[in-house]
Amino acid sequence: MEKAETICVAANHHRVQTEITIEATQSDVWSVLTDFKAMPNWSPSFKGITGSMSDGAQVTTLFDLGDGVEAYQATLKLEQGASFGWSEDYDGIRDNHLYIVERVSEMQTKFYQTDAFIGQADWSTTEKLSEFYVEQYAEFNRALKAECERRFPSSK
């Protein structure tokens, strides 16, 4: 199952919610999701994180949205084996990005990628950002699923 949608919460507050079911264990999905050295080889947009993978750490997130890799500073929120993300203010719009890995059964995992954009800026709107990122996130989710199922074919 795959889902990707944008939701208008209020004026200047939009959410992106995506999910996909992956035929692999939760720990296998987590290992692929946090293998930042290999990520640029399979991910179309999110290229990884540099810095300490620990809760509260200052990290650099790397994204390629079509114009080459760009780096963004963030404070990492981490629940080892289950979720990670960040919430940072980028020139007037707060970005609340989260990746969640949830066990469905022994050999099946739900992967959620969510984001909330809140605020106002001259350079964009929360609605435009959510509409732009929803497909980027869905593409990443499909690539993650393919990479997990390629690396762990016995999970299928």
N, C-alpha and C. Protein backbone atom coordinates (compact mmCIF):
# COMPACT_ATOMS: atom_id res chain seq x y z
N MET A 1 0.83 -1.18 0.00
CA MET A 1 0.00 0.00 0.00
C MET A 1 0.88 1.25 0.00
N GLU A 2 0.46 2.22 -0.75
CA GLU A 2 1.19 3.49 -0.83
C GLU A 2 0.20 4.63 -0.71
N LYS A 3 0.61 5.68 0.01
CA LYS A 3 -0.24 6.85 0.19
C LYS A 3 0.65 8.08 0.19
N ALA A 4 0.19 9.15 -0.45
CA ALA A 4 0.90 10.43 -0.42
C ALA A 4 -0.14 11.53 -0.60
N GLU A 5 -0.19 12.45 0.37
CA GLU A 5 -1.18 13.51 0.30
C GLU A 5 -0.68 14.78 0.98
N THR A 6 -1.28 15.88 0.58
CA THR A 6 -1.05 17.16 1.27
C THR A 6 -2.34 17.52 2.00
N ILE A 7 -2.19 18.16 3.14
CA ILE A 7 -3.33 18.54 3.95
C ILE A 7 -3.17 20.00 4.36
N CYS A 8 -4.23 20.78 4.14
CA CYS A 8 -4.25 22.16 4.61
C CYS A 8 -4.77 22.13 6.04
N VAL A 9 -3.91 22.44 6.99
CA VAL A 9 -4.30 22.45 8.40
C VAL A 9 -4.94 23.79 8.74
N ALA A 10 -4.33 24.87 8.25
CA ALA A 10 -4.82 26.24 8.47
C ALA A 10 -4.07 27.14 7.49
N ALA A 11 -4.41 28.41 7.50
CA ALA A 11 -3.65 29.35 6.67
C ALA A 11 -2.18 29.29 7.10
N ASN A 12 -1.29 29.18 6.14
CA ASN A 12 0.15 29.12 6.40
C ASN A 12 0.57 27.90 7.22
N HIS A 13 -0.18 26.80 7.08
CA HIS A 13 0.17 25.55 7.76
C HIS A 13 -0.33 24.38 6.91
N HIS A 14 0.60 23.72 6.25
CA HIS A 14 0.27 22.57 5.41
C HIS A 14 1.13 21.38 5.79
N ARG A 15 0.55 20.19 5.64
CA ARG A 15 1.26 18.94 5.97
C ARG A 15 1.39 18.07 4.74
N VAL A 16 2.46 17.30 4.73
CA VAL A 16 2.65 16.23 3.76
C VAL A 16 2.65 14.93 4.57
N GLN A 17 1.85 13.98 4.14
CA GLN A 17 1.81 12.67 4.80
C GLN A 17 1.96 11.60 3.73
N THR A 18 2.96 10.76 3.91
CA THR A 18 3.16 9.65 2.98
C THR A 18 3.38 8.38 3.77
N GLU A 19 3.06 7.28 3.14
CA GLU A 19 3.34 5.98 3.74
C GLU A 19 3.48 4.94 2.65
N ILE A 20 4.23 3.89 2.98
CA ILE A 20 4.40 2.78 2.06
C ILE A 20 4.66 1.53 2.89
N THR A 21 4.20 0.39 2.41
CA THR A 21 4.45 -0.89 3.06
C THR A 21 5.64 -1.54 2.39
N ILE A 22 6.59 -1.98 3.22
CA ILE A 22 7.83 -2.58 2.72
C ILE A 22 7.89 -4.02 3.22
N GLU A 23 8.20 -4.93 2.31
CA GLU A 23 8.32 -6.34 2.65
C GLU A 23 9.73 -6.61 3.18
N ALA A 24 9.96 -6.19 4.41
CA ALA A 24 11.24 -6.39 5.10
C ALA A 24 10.98 -6.14 6.59
N THR A 25 11.89 -6.61 7.41
CA THR A 25 11.73 -6.40 8.84
C THR A 25 11.97 -4.93 9.19
N GLN A 26 11.47 -4.53 10.34
CA GLN A 26 11.68 -3.16 10.80
C GLN A 26 13.17 -2.85 10.92
N SER A 27 13.95 -3.77 11.47
CA SER A 27 15.39 -3.51 11.62
C SER A 27 16.09 -3.44 10.27
N ASP A 28 15.64 -4.21 9.28
CA ASP A 28 16.23 -4.14 7.94
C ASP A 28 15.91 -2.79 7.29
N VAL A 29 14.69 -2.33 7.42
CA VAL A 29 14.31 -1.03 6.85
C VAL A 29 15.12 0.08 7.54
N TRP A 30 15.23 0.01 8.85
CA TRP A 30 16.01 1.01 9.59
C TRP A 30 17.47 1.01 9.11
N SER A 31 18.03 -0.16 8.91
CA SER A 31 19.44 -0.23 8.50
C SER A 31 19.65 0.40 7.12
N VAL A 32 18.72 0.21 6.20
CA VAL A 32 18.83 0.83 4.88
C VAL A 32 18.60 2.34 4.99
N LEU A 33 17.59 2.74 5.75
CA LEU A 33 17.25 4.15 5.91
C LEU A 33 18.39 4.96 6.52
N THR A 34 19.18 4.34 7.37
CA THR A 34 20.26 5.06 8.05
C THR A 34 21.64 4.72 7.51
N ASP A 35 21.69 4.05 6.38
CA ASP A 35 22.97 3.77 5.71
C ASP A 35 23.26 4.93 4.77
N PHE A 36 23.74 6.03 5.34
CA PHE A 36 23.91 7.27 4.59
C PHE A 36 25.04 7.21 3.57
N LYS A 37 25.98 6.27 3.74
CA LYS A 37 27.04 6.12 2.73
C LYS A 37 26.49 5.57 1.42
N ALA A 38 25.55 4.64 1.52
CA ALA A 38 24.97 4.03 0.32
C ALA A 38 23.79 4.82 -0.23
N MET A 39 23.17 5.65 0.58
CA MET A 39 21.93 6.34 0.19
C MET A 39 22.04 7.09 -1.13
N PRO A 40 23.12 7.82 -1.42
CA PRO A 40 23.18 8.54 -2.70
C PRO A 40 23.09 7.63 -3.92
N ASN A 41 23.37 6.34 -3.75
CA ASN A 41 23.31 5.40 -4.87
C ASN A 41 21.89 5.00 -5.25
N TRP A 42 20.95 5.11 -4.31
CA TRP A 42 19.59 4.67 -4.62
C TRP A 42 18.52 5.73 -4.42
N SER A 43 18.79 6.75 -3.61
CA SER A 43 17.76 7.75 -3.32
C SER A 43 17.76 8.87 -4.35
N PRO A 44 16.60 9.20 -4.89
CA PRO A 44 16.54 10.28 -5.88
C PRO A 44 16.68 11.68 -5.30
N SER A 45 16.40 11.86 -4.00
CA SER A 45 16.39 13.22 -3.45
C SER A 45 17.16 13.35 -2.14
N PHE A 46 16.80 12.59 -1.13
CA PHE A 46 17.48 12.66 0.16
C PHE A 46 18.80 11.92 0.02
N LYS A 47 19.90 12.63 0.24
CA LYS A 47 21.22 12.04 0.04
C LYS A 47 21.92 11.68 1.34
N GLY A 48 21.27 11.98 2.48
CA GLY A 48 21.81 11.53 3.75
C GLY A 48 22.00 12.63 4.77
N ILE A 49 22.66 12.24 5.84
CA ILE A 49 22.96 13.12 6.96
C ILE A 49 24.43 12.96 7.30
N THR A 50 25.08 14.08 7.59
CA THR A 50 26.43 14.01 8.14
C THR A 50 26.36 14.55 9.56
N GLY A 51 27.17 13.97 10.42
CA GLY A 51 27.17 14.34 11.83
C GLY A 51 26.77 13.15 12.67
N SER A 52 26.71 13.36 13.96
CA SER A 52 26.40 12.30 14.91
C SER A 52 24.93 11.92 14.83
N MET A 53 24.67 10.64 14.69
CA MET A 53 23.30 10.14 14.64
C MET A 53 22.83 9.90 16.07
N SER A 54 22.62 11.02 16.79
CA SER A 54 22.16 10.93 18.17
C SER A 54 21.15 12.04 18.43
N ASP A 55 20.23 11.77 19.34
CA ASP A 55 19.16 12.72 19.63
C ASP A 55 19.75 14.05 20.10
N GLY A 56 19.32 15.14 19.47
CA GLY A 56 19.77 16.47 19.82
C GLY A 56 21.04 16.93 19.13
N ALA A 57 21.63 16.06 18.32
CA ALA A 57 22.87 16.41 17.63
C ALA A 57 22.62 17.43 16.52
N GLN A 58 23.62 18.27 16.30
CA GLN A 58 23.59 19.19 15.16
C GLN A 58 24.11 18.41 13.95
N VAL A 59 23.30 18.33 12.91
CA VAL A 59 23.66 17.55 11.72
C VAL A 59 23.47 18.41 10.48
N THR A 60 23.97 17.90 9.39
CA THR A 60 23.75 18.50 8.08
C THR A 60 22.94 17.50 7.26
N THR A 61 21.78 17.94 6.78
CA THR A 61 20.97 17.09 5.90
C THR A 61 21.32 17.45 4.46
N LEU A 62 21.35 16.46 3.60
CA LEU A 62 21.75 16.64 2.20
C LEU A 62 20.62 16.23 1.28
N PHE A 63 20.23 17.13 0.39
CA PHE A 63 19.14 16.88 -0.55
C PHE A 63 19.54 17.31 -1.95
N ASP A 64 19.08 16.56 -2.94
CA ASP A 64 19.23 16.94 -4.34
C ASP A 64 17.83 17.02 -4.92
N LEU A 65 17.37 18.24 -5.13
CA LEU A 65 16.02 18.45 -5.65
C LEU A 65 16.04 18.88 -7.11
N GLY A 66 17.16 18.56 -7.79
CA GLY A 66 17.25 18.84 -9.21
C GLY A 66 18.34 19.81 -9.61
N ASP A 67 18.87 20.55 -8.65
CA ASP A 67 19.92 21.54 -8.95
C ASP A 67 21.23 21.20 -8.26
N GLY A 68 21.46 19.93 -7.96
CA GLY A 68 22.67 19.53 -7.25
C GLY A 68 22.38 19.41 -5.75
N VAL A 69 23.33 18.84 -5.05
CA VAL A 69 23.15 18.58 -3.62
C VAL A 69 23.28 19.88 -2.82
N GLU A 70 22.28 20.10 -1.97
CA GLU A 70 22.28 21.26 -1.07
C GLU A 70 22.30 20.76 0.37
N ALA A 71 22.98 21.50 1.23
CA ALA A 71 23.13 21.13 2.63
C ALA A 71 22.32 22.07 3.51
N TYR A 72 21.68 21.51 4.53
CA TYR A 72 20.87 22.27 5.47
C TYR A 72 21.25 21.85 6.89
N GLN A 73 21.43 22.81 7.77
CA GLN A 73 21.74 22.54 9.17
C GLN A 73 20.45 22.23 9.92
N ALA A 74 20.52 21.25 10.82
CA ALA A 74 19.33 20.86 11.57
C ALA A 74 19.72 20.25 12.90
N THR A 75 18.76 20.24 13.82
CA THR A 75 18.92 19.55 15.10
C THR A 75 18.14 18.25 15.00
N LEU A 76 18.84 17.14 15.15
CA LEU A 76 18.24 15.83 14.95
C LEU A 76 17.37 15.41 16.14
N LYS A 77 16.21 14.87 15.82
CA LYS A 77 15.34 14.20 16.79
C LYS A 77 15.41 12.72 16.43
N LEU A 78 15.79 11.88 17.38
CA LEU A 78 16.02 10.46 17.08
C LEU A 78 15.42 9.57 18.15
N GLU A 79 14.69 8.56 17.69
CA GLU A 79 14.30 7.43 18.53
C GLU A 79 14.89 6.21 17.83
N GLN A 80 16.01 5.74 18.33
CA GLN A 80 16.80 4.71 17.68
C GLN A 80 15.93 3.52 17.24
N GLY A 81 16.05 3.16 15.97
CA GLY A 81 15.34 2.02 15.42
C GLY A 81 13.90 2.31 15.02
N ALA A 82 13.40 3.51 15.34
CA ALA A 82 11.99 3.79 15.07
C ALA A 82 11.73 5.07 14.28
N SER A 83 12.45 6.16 14.58
CA SER A 83 12.18 7.42 13.87
C SER A 83 13.33 8.40 14.01
N PHE A 84 13.41 9.29 13.02
CA PHE A 84 14.30 10.44 13.13
C PHE A 84 13.74 11.56 12.27
N GLY A 85 14.16 12.77 12.61
CA GLY A 85 13.71 13.93 11.86
C GLY A 85 14.30 15.19 12.46
N TRP A 86 13.72 16.32 12.07
CA TRP A 86 14.20 17.61 12.54
C TRP A 86 13.09 18.63 12.41
N SER A 87 13.23 19.71 13.13
CA SER A 87 12.30 20.82 13.07
C SER A 87 13.13 22.09 13.11
N GLU A 88 13.19 22.79 11.99
CA GLU A 88 14.04 23.97 11.88
C GLU A 88 13.30 25.09 11.15
N ASP A 89 13.67 26.31 11.44
CA ASP A 89 13.11 27.49 10.79
C ASP A 89 14.01 27.89 9.63
N TYR A 90 13.44 27.92 8.43
CA TYR A 90 14.18 28.31 7.23
C TYR A 90 13.59 29.61 6.69
N ASP A 91 14.12 30.71 7.14
CA ASP A 91 13.72 32.04 6.65
C ASP A 91 12.22 32.28 6.73
N GLY A 92 11.60 31.95 7.87
CA GLY A 92 10.21 32.27 8.09
C GLY A 92 9.25 31.09 8.04
N ILE A 93 9.69 29.98 7.49
CA ILE A 93 8.83 28.79 7.45
C ILE A 93 9.50 27.67 8.23
N ARG A 94 8.79 27.16 9.20
CA ARG A 94 9.30 26.04 10.00
C ARG A 94 9.01 24.75 9.27
N ASP A 95 10.03 23.91 9.20
CA ASP A 95 9.96 22.61 8.55
C ASP A 95 10.03 21.55 9.65
N ASN A 96 9.03 20.70 9.73
CA ASN A 96 8.99 19.61 10.73
C ASN A 96 8.97 18.28 9.99
N HIS A 97 10.14 17.76 9.69
CA HIS A 97 10.30 16.56 8.85
C HIS A 97 10.52 15.34 9.74
N LEU A 98 9.85 14.23 9.41
CA LEU A 98 9.96 13.02 10.22
C LEU A 98 9.88 11.77 9.36
N TYR A 99 10.78 10.82 9.66
CA TYR A 99 10.79 9.49 9.05
C TYR A 99 10.46 8.50 10.16
N ILE A 100 9.47 7.62 9.92
CA ILE A 100 9.03 6.67 10.93
C ILE A 100 9.03 5.27 10.34
N VAL A 101 9.60 4.33 11.07
CA VAL A 101 9.65 2.92 10.68
C VAL A 101 8.84 2.15 11.72
N GLU A 102 7.76 1.49 11.27
CA GLU A 102 6.84 0.83 12.20
C GLU A 102 6.62 -0.63 11.80
N ARG A 103 6.82 -1.53 12.73
CA ARG A 103 6.62 -2.96 12.48
C ARG A 103 5.14 -3.26 12.29
N VAL A 104 4.83 -3.96 11.20
CA VAL A 104 3.47 -4.43 10.95
C VAL A 104 3.39 -5.90 11.32
N SER A 105 4.38 -6.67 10.87
CA SER A 105 4.49 -8.08 11.20
C SER A 105 5.98 -8.41 11.16
N GLU A 106 6.30 -9.65 11.40
CA GLU A 106 7.72 -10.03 11.43
C GLU A 106 8.45 -9.63 10.15
N MET A 107 7.80 -9.75 9.00
CA MET A 107 8.46 -9.50 7.72
C MET A 107 7.83 -8.35 6.94
N GLN A 108 7.14 -7.46 7.63
CA GLN A 108 6.51 -6.33 6.94
C GLN A 108 6.59 -5.09 7.81
N THR A 109 6.91 -3.96 7.16
CA THR A 109 7.11 -2.69 7.86
C THR A 109 6.38 -1.57 7.14
N LYS A 110 5.78 -0.68 7.91
CA LYS A 110 5.22 0.56 7.34
C LYS A 110 6.28 1.63 7.49
N PHE A 111 6.48 2.37 6.41
CA PHE A 111 7.38 3.51 6.45
C PHE A 111 6.54 4.75 6.22
N TYR A 112 6.67 5.71 7.13
CA TYR A 112 5.96 6.98 7.03
C TYR A 112 6.98 8.10 6.87
N GLN A 113 6.68 9.01 5.99
CA GLN A 113 7.47 10.23 5.88
C GLN A 113 6.47 11.38 5.95
N THR A 114 6.65 12.24 6.93
CA THR A 114 5.74 13.36 7.11
C THR A 114 6.53 14.66 7.18
N ASP A 115 5.85 15.74 6.91
CA ASP A 115 6.45 17.05 7.01
C ASP A 115 5.32 18.04 7.28
N ALA A 116 5.61 19.03 8.07
CA ALA A 116 4.65 20.11 8.30
C ALA A 116 5.38 21.42 8.05
N PHE A 117 4.77 22.26 7.27
CA PHE A 117 5.33 23.58 6.96
C PHE A 117 4.42 24.61 7.61
N ILE A 118 5.03 25.46 8.46
CA ILE A 118 4.25 26.44 9.20
C ILE A 118 4.96 27.79 9.09
N GLY A 119 4.21 28.82 8.72
CA GLY A 119 4.77 30.17 8.72
C GLY A 119 4.57 30.89 7.40
N GLN A 120 5.26 32.01 7.28
CA GLN A 120 5.18 32.85 6.08
C GLN A 120 6.59 33.25 5.66
N ALA A 121 6.77 33.36 4.35
CA ALA A 121 8.05 33.81 3.82
C ALA A 121 7.82 34.44 2.45
N ASP A 122 8.71 35.32 2.07
CA ASP A 122 8.63 35.94 0.75
C ASP A 122 8.97 34.95 -0.36
N TRP A 123 9.78 33.95 -0.06
CA TRP A 123 10.31 33.04 -1.08
C TRP A 123 9.38 31.89 -1.44
N SER A 124 8.34 31.61 -0.61
CA SER A 124 7.40 30.54 -0.93
C SER A 124 6.24 30.57 0.06
N THR A 125 5.29 29.66 -0.16
CA THR A 125 4.17 29.48 0.78
C THR A 125 4.20 28.04 1.28
N THR A 126 3.54 27.81 2.39
CA THR A 126 3.49 26.45 2.92
C THR A 126 2.73 25.53 1.97
N GLU A 127 1.74 26.08 1.28
CA GLU A 127 0.99 25.28 0.30
C GLU A 127 1.88 24.84 -0.85
N LYS A 128 2.65 25.77 -1.42
CA LYS A 128 3.55 25.42 -2.53
C LYS A 128 4.60 24.41 -2.11
N LEU A 129 5.13 24.59 -0.91
CA LEU A 129 6.14 23.64 -0.42
C LEU A 129 5.56 22.24 -0.28
N SER A 130 4.37 22.14 0.31
CA SER A 130 3.76 20.82 0.49
C SER A 130 3.45 20.18 -0.86
N GLU A 131 2.97 20.96 -1.82
CA GLU A 131 2.67 20.42 -3.15
C GLU A 131 3.94 19.97 -3.87
N PHE A 132 5.03 20.69 -3.69
CA PHE A 132 6.30 20.32 -4.31
C PHE A 132 6.86 19.04 -3.68
N TYR A 133 6.87 18.97 -2.35
CA TYR A 133 7.53 17.87 -1.67
C TYR A 133 6.75 16.57 -1.66
N VAL A 134 5.44 16.59 -1.81
CA VAL A 134 4.68 15.35 -1.71
C VAL A 134 5.17 14.31 -2.72
N GLU A 135 5.43 14.72 -3.95
CA GLU A 135 5.91 13.74 -4.95
C GLU A 135 7.36 13.35 -4.68
N GLN A 136 8.17 14.29 -4.23
CA GLN A 136 9.56 13.97 -3.87
C GLN A 136 9.60 12.88 -2.79
N TYR A 137 8.74 13.03 -1.79
CA TYR A 137 8.72 12.06 -0.69
C TYR A 137 8.19 10.71 -1.16
N ALA A 138 7.17 10.71 -2.00
CA ALA A 138 6.64 9.45 -2.53
C ALA A 138 7.70 8.73 -3.36
N GLU A 139 8.48 9.47 -4.15
CA GLU A 139 9.56 8.86 -4.93
C GLU A 139 10.62 8.27 -4.01
N PHE A 140 10.98 9.00 -2.95
CA PHE A 140 11.94 8.48 -1.99
C PHE A 140 11.41 7.20 -1.36
N ASN A 141 10.15 7.20 -0.95
CA ASN A 141 9.56 6.01 -0.31
C ASN A 141 9.63 4.80 -1.23
N ARG A 142 9.30 4.99 -2.51
CA ARG A 142 9.35 3.87 -3.46
C ARG A 142 10.79 3.38 -3.63
N ALA A 143 11.73 4.30 -3.66
CA ALA A 143 13.14 3.92 -3.79
C ALA A 143 13.62 3.17 -2.55
N LEU A 144 13.19 3.62 -1.36
CA LEU A 144 13.54 2.93 -0.12
C LEU A 144 12.98 1.51 -0.14
N LYS A 145 11.73 1.37 -0.53
CA LYS A 145 11.09 0.05 -0.62
C LYS A 145 11.89 -0.86 -1.56
N ALA A 146 12.21 -0.36 -2.74
CA ALA A 146 12.96 -1.15 -3.71
C ALA A 146 14.32 -1.56 -3.17
N GLU A 147 15.01 -0.64 -2.52
CA GLU A 147 16.34 -0.94 -1.98
C GLU A 147 16.26 -1.95 -0.84
N CYS A 148 15.30 -1.81 0.05
CA CYS A 148 15.13 -2.77 1.14
C CYS A 148 14.83 -4.17 0.60
N GLU A 149 13.92 -4.23 -0.35
CA GLU A 149 13.52 -5.54 -0.89
C GLU A 149 14.61 -6.13 -1.78
N ARG A 150 15.46 -5.28 -2.36
CA ARG A 150 16.62 -5.78 -3.11
C ARG A 150 17.68 -6.35 -2.17
N ARG A 151 17.96 -5.61 -1.09
CA ARG A 151 18.99 -6.05 -0.13
C ARG A 151 18.56 -7.25 0.68
N PHE A 152 17.28 -7.36 0.95
CA PHE A 152 16.77 -8.42 1.83
C PHE A 152 15.68 -9.22 1.13
N PRO A 153 16.04 -9.91 0.04
CA PRO A 153 15.02 -10.62 -0.76
C PRO A 153 14.33 -11.75 0.02
N SER A 154 14.96 -12.29 1.04
CA SER A 154 14.32 -13.35 1.80
C SER A 154 13.16 -12.82 2.63
N SER A 155 13.09 -11.49 2.80
CA SER A 155 11.99 -10.90 3.55
C SER A 155 10.68 -10.96 2.78
N LYS A 156 10.76 -11.05 1.44
CA LYS A 156 9.55 -11.03 0.61
C LYS A 156 8.70 -12.26 0.83
